[in-house]
Amino acid sequence: MKTVEKLRDLSIHELHEKDIELRKELFNLRFQHASHQLENTARLRLVRRDIARVKTIIKEKKMQGAED
């Protein structure tokens, strides 16, 4: 995952795309976990945190009025 500084350089549109990408990854990880195919279960936690980071940065940008 990109660092927070790199995420802050993205536009709101790019952050929304990143959010969608991470949510798809989380869905696939949950599916693998349910079928006992997931080897690295810590990845679930990391992806959830990445989603939270992206959503936080989106909210910060919207509050600053940096709409794209």
Protein backbone atom coordinates (compact mmCIF):
# COMPACT_ATOMS: atom_id res chain seq x y z
CA MET A 1 0.00 0.00 0.00
CA LYS A 2 1.11 3.52 -0.69
CA THR A 3 2.20 5.69 2.16
CA VAL A 4 -0.13 8.36 3.49
CA GLU A 5 1.90 11.10 1.80
CA LYS A 6 1.44 9.45 -1.59
CA LEU A 7 -2.29 9.04 -0.97
CA ARG A 8 -2.61 12.73 -0.11
CA ASP A 9 -1.15 13.61 -3.52
CA LEU A 10 -4.01 11.83 -5.31
CA SER A 11 -7.16 13.62 -6.41
CA ILE A 12 -10.54 12.82 -4.89
CA HIS A 13 -11.51 10.91 -8.03
CA GLU A 14 -8.35 8.78 -7.82
CA LEU A 15 -8.99 8.16 -4.13
CA HIS A 16 -12.51 6.94 -4.91
CA GLU A 17 -11.06 4.54 -7.48
CA LYS A 18 -8.54 3.32 -4.90
CA ASP A 19 -11.38 2.80 -2.42
CA ILE A 20 -13.29 0.67 -4.92
CA GLU A 21 -10.17 -1.35 -5.68
CA LEU A 22 -9.52 -2.01 -1.99
CA ARG A 23 -13.14 -2.98 -1.34
CA LYS A 24 -12.96 -5.54 -4.16
CA GLU A 25 -9.76 -6.92 -2.67
CA LEU A 26 -11.40 -7.13 0.76
CA PHE A 27 -14.38 -8.99 -0.72
CA ASN A 28 -12.05 -11.51 -2.36
CA LEU A 29 -10.05 -11.94 0.84
CA ARG A 30 -13.22 -12.56 2.84
CA PHE A 31 -14.36 -15.11 0.29
CA GLN A 32 -11.00 -16.91 0.47
CA HIS A 33 -11.09 -16.80 4.26
CA ALA A 34 -14.57 -18.34 4.36
CA SER A 35 -13.47 -21.17 2.06
CA HIS A 36 -10.27 -21.75 4.10
CA GLN A 37 -8.00 -20.79 1.21
CA LEU A 38 -6.53 -17.64 2.74
CA GLU A 39 -2.99 -18.16 4.00
CA ASN A 40 -2.23 -14.63 5.24
CA THR A 41 -5.19 -13.68 7.42
CA ALA A 42 -3.43 -10.50 8.56
CA ARG A 43 -4.02 -9.12 5.06
CA LEU A 44 -7.70 -8.66 5.94
CA ARG A 45 -6.79 -6.25 8.71
CA LEU A 46 -4.31 -4.35 6.55
CA VAL A 47 -6.82 -3.85 3.74
CA ARG A 48 -9.50 -2.63 6.18
CA ARG A 49 -7.03 -0.10 7.55
CA ASP A 50 -6.07 1.02 4.05
CA ILE A 51 -9.74 1.60 3.25
CA ALA A 52 -10.07 3.69 6.41
CA ARG A 53 -7.00 5.75 5.43
CA VAL A 54 -8.41 6.45 1.98
CA LYS A 55 -11.83 7.41 3.35
CA THR A 56 -10.21 9.72 5.92
CA ILE A 57 -8.16 11.50 3.27
CA ILE A 58 -11.23 11.87 1.05
CA LYS A 59 -13.12 13.49 3.94
CA GLU A 60 -10.20 15.81 4.71
CA LYS A 61 -9.99 16.93 1.09
CA LYS A 62 -13.73 17.55 0.91
CA MET A 63 -13.61 19.64 4.06
CA GLN A 64 -10.82 21.72 2.51
CA GLY A 65 -12.99 22.30 -0.54
CA ALA A 66 -10.66 20.57 -2.99
CA GLU A 67 -13.41 19.05 -5.10
CA ASP A 68 -12.36 17.66 -8.49
